[in-house]
């Protein structure tokens, strides 16, 4: 039982997966923020073009 507990504590595979998940989560937050900003800017541009065509 002691060997099993020692092996469990020394195993770092789960820590690596958590690190990758945190990096992926951070990147996805940045992507959502950038796309949201570009969408707002693009919406304003289309509204401006639409009013100038009328």
C-alpha atoms as a PDB file:
ATOM      1  CA  UNK A   1       0.000   0.000   0.000  1.00  0.00           C
ATOM      2  CA  UNK A   2       2.843   2.353   0.832  1.00  0.00           C
ATOM      3  CA  UNK A   3       4.406   1.781  -2.615  1.00  0.00           C
ATOM      4  CA  UNK A   4       1.101   2.601  -4.287  1.00  0.00           C
ATOM      5  CA  UNK A   5       0.759   5.845  -2.335  1.00  0.00           C
ATOM      6  CA  UNK A   6       4.364   6.819  -3.122  1.00  0.00           C
ATOM      7  CA  UNK A   7       3.830   6.136  -6.815  1.00  0.00           C
ATOM      8  CA  UNK A   8       0.631   8.220  -6.789  1.00  0.00           C
ATOM      9  CA  UNK A   9       2.351  11.200  -5.127  1.00  0.00           C
ATOM     10  CA  UNK A  10       5.345  11.034  -7.516  1.00  0.00           C
ATOM     11  CA  UNK A  11       3.197  10.824 -10.664  1.00  0.00           C
ATOM     12  CA  UNK A  12       3.257  14.160 -12.510  1.00  0.00           C
ATOM     13  CA  UNK A  13       1.147  13.230 -15.541  1.00  0.00           C
ATOM     14  CA  UNK A  14      -1.945  14.907 -14.099  1.00  0.00           C
ATOM     15  CA  UNK A  15      -0.020  18.102 -13.374  1.00  0.00           C
ATOM     16  CA  UNK A  16       1.101  18.287 -16.996  1.00  0.00           C
ATOM     17  CA  UNK A  17      -2.472  17.865 -18.227  1.00  0.00           C
ATOM     18  CA  UNK A  18      -3.649  20.626 -15.894  1.00  0.00           C
ATOM     19  CA  UNK A  19      -0.895  22.937 -17.168  1.00  0.00           C
ATOM     20  CA  UNK A  20      -1.938  22.303 -20.767  1.00  0.00           C
ATOM     21  CA  UNK A  21      -5.578  22.949 -19.854  1.00  0.00           C
ATOM     22  CA  UNK A  22      -4.659  26.278 -18.225  1.00  0.00           C
ATOM     23  CA  UNK A  23      -2.659  27.349 -21.283  1.00  0.00           C
ATOM     24  CA  UNK A  24      -5.498  26.358 -23.632  1.00  0.00           C
ATOM     25  CA  UNK A  25      -8.003  28.219 -21.448  1.00  0.00           C
ATOM     26  CA  UNK A  26      -5.865  31.372 -21.472  1.00  0.00           C
ATOM     27  CA  UNK A  27      -5.457  31.251 -25.228  1.00  0.00           C
ATOM     28  CA  UNK A  28      -9.200  30.769 -25.741  1.00  0.00           C
ATOM     29  CA  UNK A  29      -9.977  33.781 -23.517  1.00  0.00           C
ATOM     30  CA  UNK A  30      -7.607  35.923 -25.604  1.00  0.00           C
ATOM     31  CA  UNK A  31      -9.184  34.691 -28.846  1.00  0.00           C
ATOM     32  CA  UNK A  32     -12.724  35.425 -27.633  1.00  0.00           C
ATOM     33  CA  UNK A  33     -11.705  38.916 -26.496  1.00  0.00           C
ATOM     34  CA  UNK A  34      -9.974  39.758 -29.779  1.00  0.00           C
ATOM     35  CA  UNK A  35     -12.802  38.413 -31.930  1.00  0.00           C
ATOM     36  CA  UNK A  36     -15.344  40.344 -29.841  1.00  0.00           C
ATOM     37  CA  UNK A  37     -13.393  43.581 -30.329  1.00  0.00           C
ATOM     38  CA  UNK A  38     -13.016  43.023 -34.056  1.00  0.00           C
ATOM     39  CA  UNK A  39     -16.732  42.187 -34.315  1.00  0.00           C
ATOM     40  CA  UNK A  40     -17.720  45.455 -32.645  1.00  0.00           C
ATOM     41  CA  UNK A  41     -15.393  47.441 -34.882  1.00  0.00           C
ATOM     42  CA  UNK A  42     -16.600  45.658 -37.987  1.00  0.00           C
ATOM     43  CA  UNK A  43     -20.233  46.194 -37.022  1.00  0.00           C
ATOM     44  CA  UNK A  44     -19.591  49.933 -36.726  1.00  0.00           C
ATOM     45  CA  UNK A  45     -17.930  49.974 -40.126  1.00  0.00           C
ATOM     46  CA  UNK A  46     -20.848  48.155 -41.766  1.00  0.00           C
ATOM     47  CA  UNK A  47     -23.326  50.534 -40.116  1.00  0.00           C
ATOM     48  CA  UNK A  48     -21.339  53.507 -41.431  1.00  0.00           C
ATOM     49  CA  UNK A  49     -21.264  52.095 -44.960  1.00  0.00           C
ATOM     50  CA  UNK A  50     -24.966  51.260 -44.777  1.00  0.00           C
ATOM     51  CA  UNK A  51     -25.960  54.804 -43.774  1.00  0.00           C
ATOM     52  CA  UNK A  52     -23.738  56.335 -46.442  1.00  0.00           C
ATOM     53  CA  UNK A  53     -25.359  54.168 -49.142  1.00  0.00           C
ATOM     54  CA  UNK A  54     -28.900  55.238 -48.191  1.00  0.00           C
END
